[in-house]
All heavy atoms as atom14 arrays in JSON, in Angstrom:
{
  "sequence": "GGTLYVLSTDTDINWDPAKSQSLAITSLALVHRRLTTWDITADGA",
  "atom14_mask": [
    [1, 1, 1, 1, 0, 0, 0, 0, 0, 0, 0, 0, 0, 0],
    [1, 1, 1, 1, 0, 0, 0, 0, 0, 0, 0, 0, 0, 0],
    [1, 1, 1, 1, 1, 1, 1, 0, 0, 0, 0, 0, 0, 0],
    [1, 1, 1, 1, 1, 1, 1, 1, 0, 0, 0, 0, 0, 0],
    [1, 1, 1, 1, 1, 1, 1, 1, 1, 1, 1, 1, 0, 0],
    [1, 1, 1, 1, 1, 1, 1, 0, 0, 0, 0, 0, 0, 0],
    [1, 1, 1, 1, 1, 1, 1, 1, 0, 0, 0, 0, 0, 0],
    [1, 1, 1, 1, 1, 1, 0, 0, 0, 0, 0, 0, 0, 0],
    [1, 1, 1, 1, 1, 1, 1, 0, 0, 0, 0, 0, 0, 0],
    [1, 1, 1, 1, 1, 1, 1, 1, 0, 0, 0, 0, 0, 0],
    [1, 1, 1, 1, 1, 1, 1, 0, 0, 0, 0, 0, 0, 0],
    [1, 1, 1, 1, 1, 1, 1, 1, 0, 0, 0, 0, 0, 0],
    [1, 1, 1, 1, 1, 1, 1, 1, 0, 0, 0, 0, 0, 0],
    [1, 1, 1, 1, 1, 1, 1, 1, 0, 0, 0, 0, 0, 0],
    [1, 1, 1, 1, 1, 1, 1, 1, 1, 1, 1, 1, 1, 1],
    [1, 1, 1, 1, 1, 1, 1, 1, 0, 0, 0, 0, 0, 0],
    [1, 1, 1, 1, 1, 1, 1, 0, 0, 0, 0, 0, 0, 0],
    [1, 1, 1, 1, 1, 0, 0, 0, 0, 0, 0, 0, 0, 0],
    [1, 1, 1, 1, 1, 1, 1, 1, 1, 0, 0, 0, 0, 0],
    [1, 1, 1, 1, 1, 1, 0, 0, 0, 0, 0, 0, 0, 0],
    [1, 1, 1, 1, 1, 1, 1, 1, 1, 0, 0, 0, 0, 0],
    [1, 1, 1, 1, 1, 1, 0, 0, 0, 0, 0, 0, 0, 0],
    [1, 1, 1, 1, 1, 1, 1, 1, 0, 0, 0, 0, 0, 0],
    [1, 1, 1, 1, 1, 0, 0, 0, 0, 0, 0, 0, 0, 0],
    [1, 1, 1, 1, 1, 1, 1, 1, 0, 0, 0, 0, 0, 0],
    [1, 1, 1, 1, 1, 1, 1, 0, 0, 0, 0, 0, 0, 0],
    [1, 1, 1, 1, 1, 1, 0, 0, 0, 0, 0, 0, 0, 0],
    [1, 1, 1, 1, 1, 1, 1, 1, 0, 0, 0, 0, 0, 0],
    [1, 1, 1, 1, 1, 0, 0, 0, 0, 0, 0, 0, 0, 0],
    [1, 1, 1, 1, 1, 1, 1, 1, 0, 0, 0, 0, 0, 0],
    [1, 1, 1, 1, 1, 1, 1, 0, 0, 0, 0, 0, 0, 0],
    [1, 1, 1, 1, 1, 1, 1, 1, 1, 1, 0, 0, 0, 0],
    [1, 1, 1, 1, 1, 1, 1, 1, 1, 1, 1, 0, 0, 0],
    [1, 1, 1, 1, 1, 1, 1, 1, 1, 1, 1, 0, 0, 0],
    [1, 1, 1, 1, 1, 1, 1, 1, 0, 0, 0, 0, 0, 0],
    [1, 1, 1, 1, 1, 1, 1, 0, 0, 0, 0, 0, 0, 0],
    [1, 1, 1, 1, 1, 1, 1, 0, 0, 0, 0, 0, 0, 0],
    [1, 1, 1, 1, 1, 1, 1, 1, 1, 1, 1, 1, 1, 1],
    [1, 1, 1, 1, 1, 1, 1, 1, 0, 0, 0, 0, 0, 0],
    [1, 1, 1, 1, 1, 1, 1, 1, 0, 0, 0, 0, 0, 0],
    [1, 1, 1, 1, 1, 1, 1, 0, 0, 0, 0, 0, 0, 0],
    [1, 1, 1, 1, 1, 0, 0, 0, 0, 0, 0, 0, 0, 0],
    [1, 1, 1, 1, 1, 1, 1, 1, 0, 0, 0, 0, 0, 0],
    [1, 1, 1, 1, 0, 0, 0, 0, 0, 0, 0, 0, 0, 0],
    [1, 1, 1, 1, 1, 0, 0, 0, 0, 0, 0, 0, 0, 0]
  ],
  "atom14_positions": [
    [[176.78, -2.51, -4.92], [176.99, -1.93, -3.56], [177.51, -2.99, -2.64], [177.64, -4.12, -2.85], [0.0, 0.0, 0.0], [0.0, 0.0, 0.0], [0.0, 0.0, 0.0], [0.0, 0.0, 0.0], [0.0, 0.0, 0.0], [0.0, 0.0, 0.0], [0.0, 0.0, 0.0], [0.0, 0.0, 0.0], [0.0, 0.0, 0.0], [0.0, 0.0, 0.0]],
    [[177.87, -2.47, -1.5], [178.41, -3.36, -0.38], [179.84, -3.57, -0.57], [180.63, -2.97, -1.49], [0.0, 0.0, 0.0], [0.0, 0.0, 0.0], [0.0, 0.0, 0.0], [0.0, 0.0, 0.0], [0.0, 0.0, 0.0], [0.0, 0.0, 0.0], [0.0, 0.0, 0.0], [0.0, 0.0, 0.0], [0.0, 0.0, 0.0], [0.0, 0.0, 0.0]],
    [[180.36, -4.32, 0.37], [181.85, -4.72, 0.39], [182.0, -6.21, 0.27], [181.44, -6.94, 0.98], [182.54, -4.2, 1.62], [182.39, -2.75, 1.71], [184.07, -4.67, 1.66], [0.0, 0.0, 0.0], [0.0, 0.0, 0.0], [0.0, 0.0, 0.0], [0.0, 0.0, 0.0], [0.0, 0.0, 0.0], [0.0, 0.0, 0.0], [0.0, 0.0, 0.0]],
    [[182.95, -6.65, -0.6], [183.21, -8.06, -0.81], [184.55, -8.29, -0.25], [185.52, -7.46, -0.31], [183.28, -8.5, -2.27], [183.81, -9.81, -2.62], [182.74, -10.87, -2.23], [183.97, -9.99, -4.23], [0.0, 0.0, 0.0], [0.0, 0.0, 0.0], [0.0, 0.0, 0.0], [0.0, 0.0, 0.0], [0.0, 0.0, 0.0], [0.0, 0.0, 0.0]],
    [[184.69, -9.3, 0.56], [185.96, -9.56, 1.33], [186.68, -10.89, 0.69], [185.93, -11.93, 0.55], [185.85, -9.82, 2.79], [185.25, -8.62, 3.42], [183.96, -8.32, 3.54], [186.23, -7.6, 4.02], [183.5, -7.18, 4.25], [185.77, -6.54, 4.71], [184.43, -6.25, 4.79], [183.88, -5.16, 5.46], [0.0, 0.0, 0.0], [0.0, 0.0, 0.0]],
    [[187.93, -10.82, 0.38], [188.71, -11.86, -0.12], [189.76, -12.27, 0.92], [190.53, -11.5, 1.35], [189.39, -11.54, -1.42], [189.98, -12.85, -2.01], [188.41, -10.98, -2.45], [0.0, 0.0, 0.0], [0.0, 0.0, 0.0], [0.0, 0.0, 0.0], [0.0, 0.0, 0.0], [0.0, 0.0, 0.0], [0.0, 0.0, 0.0], [0.0, 0.0, 0.0]],
    [[189.63, -13.51, 1.51], [190.5, -13.89, 2.47], [191.71, -14.78, 1.88], [191.41, -15.83, 1.33], [189.73, -14.75, 3.64], [188.52, -14.13, 4.14], [187.83, -15.05, 5.13], [188.79, -12.72, 4.76], [0.0, 0.0, 0.0], [0.0, 0.0, 0.0], [0.0, 0.0, 0.0], [0.0, 0.0, 0.0], [0.0, 0.0, 0.0], [0.0, 0.0, 0.0]],
    [[192.93, -14.29, 2.13], [193.99, -14.88, 1.45], [195.2, -15.21, 2.37], [195.47, -14.34, 3.33], [194.56, -13.95, 0.31], [195.7, -14.54, -0.32], [0.0, 0.0, 0.0], [0.0, 0.0, 0.0], [0.0, 0.0, 0.0], [0.0, 0.0, 0.0], [0.0, 0.0, 0.0], [0.0, 0.0, 0.0], [0.0, 0.0, 0.0], [0.0, 0.0, 0.0]],
    [[195.78, -16.39, 2.24], [197.02, -16.65, 3.04], [198.29, -16.01, 2.42], [199.27, -15.88, 3.13], [197.21, -18.12, 3.05], [197.47, -18.71, 1.66], [196.17, -18.98, 3.68], [0.0, 0.0, 0.0], [0.0, 0.0, 0.0], [0.0, 0.0, 0.0], [0.0, 0.0, 0.0], [0.0, 0.0, 0.0], [0.0, 0.0, 0.0], [0.0, 0.0, 0.0]],
    [[198.2, -15.5, 1.19], [199.25, -14.73, 0.53], [199.61, -13.51, 1.4], [198.71, -12.77, 1.89], [198.95, -14.36, -0.79], [198.88, -15.66, -1.73], [199.45, -16.67, -1.36], [198.31, -15.63, -2.84], [0.0, 0.0, 0.0], [0.0, 0.0, 0.0], [0.0, 0.0, 0.0], [0.0, 0.0, 0.0], [0.0, 0.0, 0.0], [0.0, 0.0, 0.0]],
    [[200.82, -13.16, 1.5], [201.21, -11.96, 2.24], [201.22, -10.73, 1.4], [201.48, -9.64, 1.86], [202.63, -12.22, 2.85], [203.54, -12.53, 1.84], [202.6, -13.36, 3.88], [0.0, 0.0, 0.0], [0.0, 0.0, 0.0], [0.0, 0.0, 0.0], [0.0, 0.0, 0.0], [0.0, 0.0, 0.0], [0.0, 0.0, 0.0], [0.0, 0.0, 0.0]],
    [[201.1, -10.86, 0.08], [201.16, -9.7, -0.85], [200.45, -9.93, -2.16], [200.21, -11.16, -2.49], [202.6, -9.38, -1.17], [202.72, -7.9, -1.58], [201.72, -7.22, -1.56], [203.83, -7.46, -2.04], [0.0, 0.0, 0.0], [0.0, 0.0, 0.0], [0.0, 0.0, 0.0], [0.0, 0.0, 0.0], [0.0, 0.0, 0.0], [0.0, 0.0, 0.0]],
    [[199.9, -8.9, -2.88], [199.5, -9.1, -4.09], [200.27, -8.16, -5.0], [200.31, -6.92, -4.7], [197.96, -8.71, -4.21], [197.18, -9.7, -3.36], [197.49, -8.78, -5.65], [195.71, -9.29, -3.31], [0.0, 0.0, 0.0], [0.0, 0.0, 0.0], [0.0, 0.0, 0.0], [0.0, 0.0, 0.0], [0.0, 0.0, 0.0], [0.0, 0.0, 0.0]],
    [[200.75, -8.62, -6.11], [201.51, -7.74, -7.0], [200.66, -7.2, -8.13], [200.2, -7.9, -9.0], [202.71, -8.56, -7.68], [203.75, -7.71, -8.31], [203.38, -6.72, -8.93], [205.0, -8.02, -8.2], [0.0, 0.0, 0.0], [0.0, 0.0, 0.0], [0.0, 0.0, 0.0], [0.0, 0.0, 0.0], [0.0, 0.0, 0.0], [0.0, 0.0, 0.0]],
    [[200.4, -5.83, -8.03], [199.49, -5.26, -9.01], [200.15, -4.7, -10.31], [199.5, -4.04, -11.07], [198.76, -4.14, -8.19], [197.85, -4.6, -7.1], [198.26, -4.51, -5.76], [196.59, -5.26, -7.18], [197.23, -5.06, -4.99], [196.32, -5.47, -5.83], [195.81, -5.61, -8.11], [195.03, -6.08, -5.45], [194.69, -6.09, -7.86], [194.14, -6.43, -6.55]],
    [[201.45, -5.11, -10.35], [202.23, -4.59, -11.51], [201.95, -5.69, -12.66], [202.25, -6.85, -12.52], [203.67, -4.59, -11.29], [204.45, -3.88, -12.45], [204.13, -4.16, -13.58], [205.39, -3.09, -12.09], [0.0, 0.0, 0.0], [0.0, 0.0, 0.0], [0.0, 0.0, 0.0], [0.0, 0.0, 0.0], [0.0, 0.0, 0.0], [0.0, 0.0, 0.0]],
    [[201.36, -5.29, -13.77], [201.01, -6.29, -14.73], [202.16, -6.95, -15.39], [202.21, -8.04, -15.97], [200.32, -5.5, -15.85], [200.56, -4.09, -15.59], [200.9, -3.92, -14.14], [0.0, 0.0, 0.0], [0.0, 0.0, 0.0], [0.0, 0.0, 0.0], [0.0, 0.0, 0.0], [0.0, 0.0, 0.0], [0.0, 0.0, 0.0], [0.0, 0.0, 0.0]],
    [[203.42, -6.32, -15.38], [204.54, -6.89, -15.86], [205.01, -8.12, -15.06], [205.63, -8.94, -15.54], [205.72, -5.85, -16.0], [0.0, 0.0, 0.0], [0.0, 0.0, 0.0], [0.0, 0.0, 0.0], [0.0, 0.0, 0.0], [0.0, 0.0, 0.0], [0.0, 0.0, 0.0], [0.0, 0.0, 0.0], [0.0, 0.0, 0.0], [0.0, 0.0, 0.0]],
    [[204.79, -8.05, -13.77], [205.32, -9.09, -12.95], [204.25, -10.04, -12.38], [204.57, -10.99, -11.69], [205.88, -8.33, -11.55], [207.0, -7.46, -11.89], [207.56, -6.8, -10.59], [208.3, -7.64, -9.81], [209.02, -6.97, -8.61], [0.0, 0.0, 0.0], [0.0, 0.0, 0.0], [0.0, 0.0, 0.0], [0.0, 0.0, 0.0], [0.0, 0.0, 0.0]],
    [[202.98, -9.86, -12.86], [201.93, -10.69, -12.35], [201.72, -11.87, -13.13], [201.94, -12.03, -14.37], [200.6, -9.86, -12.36], [199.54, -10.62, -11.97], [0.0, 0.0, 0.0], [0.0, 0.0, 0.0], [0.0, 0.0, 0.0], [0.0, 0.0, 0.0], [0.0, 0.0, 0.0], [0.0, 0.0, 0.0], [0.0, 0.0, 0.0], [0.0, 0.0, 0.0]],
    [[201.3, -12.91, -12.43], [200.92, -14.2, -13.03], [199.36, -14.48, -12.84], [198.9, -15.61, -12.88], [201.66, -15.42, -12.59], [203.13, -15.19, -12.87], [204.04, -16.45, -12.45], [203.57, -17.3, -11.93], [205.32, -16.25, -12.79], [0.0, 0.0, 0.0], [0.0, 0.0, 0.0], [0.0, 0.0, 0.0], [0.0, 0.0, 0.0], [0.0, 0.0, 0.0]],
    [[198.66, -13.45, -12.45], [197.21, -13.6, -12.23], [196.54, -14.04, -13.41], [196.7, -13.65, -14.52], [196.74, -12.17, -11.67], [195.31, -12.18, -11.49], [0.0, 0.0, 0.0], [0.0, 0.0, 0.0], [0.0, 0.0, 0.0], [0.0, 0.0, 0.0], [0.0, 0.0, 0.0], [0.0, 0.0, 0.0], [0.0, 0.0, 0.0], [0.0, 0.0, 0.0]],
    [[195.44, -14.87, -13.09], [194.47, -15.22, -14.14], [193.66, -13.9, -14.56], [193.5, -13.08, -13.99], [193.53, -16.24, -13.64], [194.14, -17.7, -13.27], [193.16, -18.57, -12.48], [194.62, -18.4, -14.54], [0.0, 0.0, 0.0], [0.0, 0.0, 0.0], [0.0, 0.0, 0.0], [0.0, 0.0, 0.0], [0.0, 0.0, 0.0], [0.0, 0.0, 0.0]],
    [[193.1, -14.21, -15.77], [192.19, -13.14, -16.37], [190.92, -12.86, -15.68], [190.2, -12.11, -16.07], [192.08, -13.36, -17.94], [0.0, 0.0, 0.0], [0.0, 0.0, 0.0], [0.0, 0.0, 0.0], [0.0, 0.0, 0.0], [0.0, 0.0, 0.0], [0.0, 0.0, 0.0], [0.0, 0.0, 0.0], [0.0, 0.0, 0.0], [0.0, 0.0, 0.0]],
    [[190.65, -13.81, -14.62], [189.35, -13.63, -13.95], [189.52, -13.4, -12.48], [188.52, -13.46, -11.69], [188.46, -14.95, -14.2], [189.16, -16.16, -13.67], [188.12, -15.07, -15.62], [188.26, -17.35, -13.54], [0.0, 0.0, 0.0], [0.0, 0.0, 0.0], [0.0, 0.0, 0.0], [0.0, 0.0, 0.0], [0.0, 0.0, 0.0], [0.0, 0.0, 0.0]],
    [[190.75, -13.19, -12.03], [191.05, -12.93, -10.71], [191.43, -11.54, -10.3], [191.13, -10.64, -10.97], [191.96, -14.07, -10.09], [193.13, -14.1, -10.75], [191.3, -15.43, -10.04], [0.0, 0.0, 0.0], [0.0, 0.0, 0.0], [0.0, 0.0, 0.0], [0.0, 0.0, 0.0], [0.0, 0.0, 0.0], [0.0, 0.0, 0.0], [0.0, 0.0, 0.0]],
    [[192.42, -11.35, -9.37], [192.6, -10.01, -8.78], [193.08, -8.95, -9.75], [192.4, -7.93, -9.79], [193.68, -10.15, -7.63], [194.8, -10.63, -8.16], [0.0, 0.0, 0.0], [0.0, 0.0, 0.0], [0.0, 0.0, 0.0], [0.0, 0.0, 0.0], [0.0, 0.0, 0.0], [0.0, 0.0, 0.0], [0.0, 0.0, 0.0], [0.0, 0.0, 0.0]],
    [[193.97, -9.2, -10.56], [194.59, -8.21, -11.42], [193.51, -7.71, -12.39], [193.63, -6.51, -12.76], [195.78, -8.75, -12.18], [196.72, -7.64, -12.74], [197.58, -7.11, -11.58], [197.5, -8.26, -13.84], [0.0, 0.0, 0.0], [0.0, 0.0, 0.0], [0.0, 0.0, 0.0], [0.0, 0.0, 0.0], [0.0, 0.0, 0.0], [0.0, 0.0, 0.0]],
    [[192.6, -8.58, -12.77], [191.63, -8.12, -13.83], [190.65, -7.17, -13.33], [189.82, -6.49, -14.0], [191.01, -9.34, -14.48], [0.0, 0.0, 0.0], [0.0, 0.0, 0.0], [0.0, 0.0, 0.0], [0.0, 0.0, 0.0], [0.0, 0.0, 0.0], [0.0, 0.0, 0.0], [0.0, 0.0, 0.0], [0.0, 0.0, 0.0], [0.0, 0.0, 0.0]],
    [[190.57, -7.08, -12.02], [189.7, -6.0, -11.41], [190.22, -4.6, -11.6], [189.5, -3.62, -11.64], [189.49, -6.3, -9.88], [188.79, -7.67, -9.53], [189.05, -7.9, -8.08], [187.32, -7.51, -9.86], [0.0, 0.0, 0.0], [0.0, 0.0, 0.0], [0.0, 0.0, 0.0], [0.0, 0.0, 0.0], [0.0, 0.0, 0.0], [0.0, 0.0, 0.0]],
    [[191.53, -4.55, -11.74], [192.2, -3.28, -11.8], [192.65, -3.03, -13.23], [192.62, -1.79, -13.65], [193.44, -3.19, -10.79], [194.2, -1.95, -10.97], [192.87, -3.33, -9.29], [0.0, 0.0, 0.0], [0.0, 0.0, 0.0], [0.0, 0.0, 0.0], [0.0, 0.0, 0.0], [0.0, 0.0, 0.0], [0.0, 0.0, 0.0], [0.0, 0.0, 0.0]],
    [[193.18, -3.99, -13.88], [193.71, -3.86, -15.24], [192.96, -4.51, -16.26], [192.67, -5.72, -16.19], [195.2, -4.33, -15.28], [196.04, -3.63, -14.32], [196.51, -2.38, -14.48], [196.72, -4.0, -13.32], [197.34, -1.93, -13.6], [197.5, -2.97, -12.77], [0.0, 0.0, 0.0], [0.0, 0.0, 0.0], [0.0, 0.0, 0.0], [0.0, 0.0, 0.0]],
    [[192.65, -3.95, -17.47], [192.14, -4.54, -18.62], [193.23, -4.81, -19.58], [194.32, -4.24, -19.4], [191.0, -3.66, -19.29], [189.88, -3.33, -18.34], [188.82, -2.4, -18.98], [188.27, -3.04, -20.18], [187.2, -2.43, -20.7], [186.82, -1.08, -20.46], [186.56, -3.02, -21.75], [0.0, 0.0, 0.0], [0.0, 0.0, 0.0], [0.0, 0.0, 0.0]],
    [[192.98, -5.79, -20.59], [194.04, -6.12, -21.55], [193.27, -6.07, -22.94], [192.14, -5.66, -23.01], [194.38, -7.57, -21.29], [194.93, -7.79, -19.92], [193.82, -8.48, -18.89], [194.31, -8.56, -17.6], [194.73, -9.73, -17.1], [194.9, -10.79, -17.79], [195.1, -9.71, -15.84], [0.0, 0.0, 0.0], [0.0, 0.0, 0.0], [0.0, 0.0, 0.0]],
    [[194.04, -6.33, -24.05], [193.45, -6.26, -25.34], [192.29, -7.18, -25.45], [191.2, -6.83, -26.06], [194.47, -6.5, -26.34], [195.51, -5.41, -26.56], [196.66, -5.87, -27.55], [194.74, -4.16, -27.25], [0.0, 0.0, 0.0], [0.0, 0.0, 0.0], [0.0, 0.0, 0.0], [0.0, 0.0, 0.0], [0.0, 0.0, 0.0], [0.0, 0.0, 0.0]],
    [[192.48, -8.41, -24.87], [191.4, -9.43, -24.93], [191.19, -9.93, -23.52], [191.98, -9.71, -22.68], [191.56, -10.59, -26.01], [192.76, -11.33, -25.48], [191.85, -10.15, -27.42], [0.0, 0.0, 0.0], [0.0, 0.0, 0.0], [0.0, 0.0, 0.0], [0.0, 0.0, 0.0], [0.0, 0.0, 0.0], [0.0, 0.0, 0.0], [0.0, 0.0, 0.0]],
    [[190.25, -10.69, -23.31], [190.0, -11.24, -21.96], [189.2, -12.67, -22.21], [188.99, -13.03, -23.33], [189.32, -10.31, -21.01], [189.32, -10.89, -19.71], [187.81, -10.1, -21.47], [0.0, 0.0, 0.0], [0.0, 0.0, 0.0], [0.0, 0.0, 0.0], [0.0, 0.0, 0.0], [0.0, 0.0, 0.0], [0.0, 0.0, 0.0], [0.0, 0.0, 0.0]],
    [[188.9, -13.21, -20.93], [188.16, -14.51, -21.0], [186.73, -14.35, -20.62], [186.39, -13.62, -19.66], [188.79, -15.55, -20.1], [190.22, -15.72, -20.28], [191.09, -15.37, -21.25], [191.09, -16.51, -19.41], [192.33, -15.68, -21.03], [192.44, -16.45, -19.93], [190.81, -17.23, -18.19], [193.44, -17.08, -19.22], [191.99, -17.81, -17.58], [193.19, -17.79, -18.05]],
    [[185.81, -15.04, -21.33], [184.46, -15.04, -21.0], [184.21, -16.41, -20.33], [184.27, -17.46, -20.97], [183.5, -14.92, -22.12], [182.07, -14.79, -21.81], [181.73, -14.71, -20.54], [181.17, -14.83, -22.61], [0.0, 0.0, 0.0], [0.0, 0.0, 0.0], [0.0, 0.0, 0.0], [0.0, 0.0, 0.0], [0.0, 0.0, 0.0], [0.0, 0.0, 0.0]],
    [[184.11, -16.44, -19.01], [183.98, -17.69, -18.19], [182.66, -17.73, -17.57], [182.29, -16.84, -16.79], [185.12, -17.78, -17.09], [186.49, -17.56, -17.79], [184.9, -18.98, -16.33], [186.85, -18.81, -18.54], [0.0, 0.0, 0.0], [0.0, 0.0, 0.0], [0.0, 0.0, 0.0], [0.0, 0.0, 0.0], [0.0, 0.0, 0.0], [0.0, 0.0, 0.0]],
    [[181.98, -18.86, -17.91], [180.66, -19.01, -17.21], [180.64, -20.34, -16.49], [181.46, -21.21, -16.63], [179.52, -19.07, -18.25], [179.68, -20.1, -19.23], [179.51, -17.66, -19.0], [0.0, 0.0, 0.0], [0.0, 0.0, 0.0], [0.0, 0.0, 0.0], [0.0, 0.0, 0.0], [0.0, 0.0, 0.0], [0.0, 0.0, 0.0], [0.0, 0.0, 0.0]],
    [[179.6, -20.55, -15.57], [179.53, -21.72, -14.68], [179.55, -23.08, -15.61], [180.07, -24.08, -15.1], [178.35, -21.69, -13.84], [0.0, 0.0, 0.0], [0.0, 0.0, 0.0], [0.0, 0.0, 0.0], [0.0, 0.0, 0.0], [0.0, 0.0, 0.0], [0.0, 0.0, 0.0], [0.0, 0.0, 0.0], [0.0, 0.0, 0.0], [0.0, 0.0, 0.0]],
    [[178.81, -23.07, -16.64], [178.67, -24.34, -17.38], [179.03, -24.17, -18.9], [178.78, -25.13, -19.59], [177.19, -24.79, -17.35], [176.22, -23.68, -17.79], [176.72, -22.69, -18.23], [175.07, -23.99, -17.66], [0.0, 0.0, 0.0], [0.0, 0.0, 0.0], [0.0, 0.0, 0.0], [0.0, 0.0, 0.0], [0.0, 0.0, 0.0], [0.0, 0.0, 0.0]],
    [[179.72, -23.2, -19.25], [180.13, -23.07, -20.61], [181.68, -23.22, -20.81], [182.45, -23.26, -19.94], [0.0, 0.0, 0.0], [0.0, 0.0, 0.0], [0.0, 0.0, 0.0], [0.0, 0.0, 0.0], [0.0, 0.0, 0.0], [0.0, 0.0, 0.0], [0.0, 0.0, 0.0], [0.0, 0.0, 0.0], [0.0, 0.0, 0.0], [0.0, 0.0, 0.0]],
    [[182.0, -23.37, -22.13], [183.42, -23.51, -22.47], [184.08, -22.04, -22.47], [183.41, -21.09, -22.76], [183.56, -24.03, -23.94], [0.0, 0.0, 0.0], [0.0, 0.0, 0.0], [0.0, 0.0, 0.0], [0.0, 0.0, 0.0], [0.0, 0.0, 0.0], [0.0, 0.0, 0.0], [0.0, 0.0, 0.0], [0.0, 0.0, 0.0], [0.0, 0.0, 0.0]]
  ]
}
């Protein structure tokens, strides 16, 4: 629940997966899934 705010100096976010260079753990991955993805933890590989 609740609202999370992301403060960005960028003037736009490109949500088109063909044009995006977003990491698998940042903005685009909230909207689009892929065949595989990354499991990233604070202290793991």
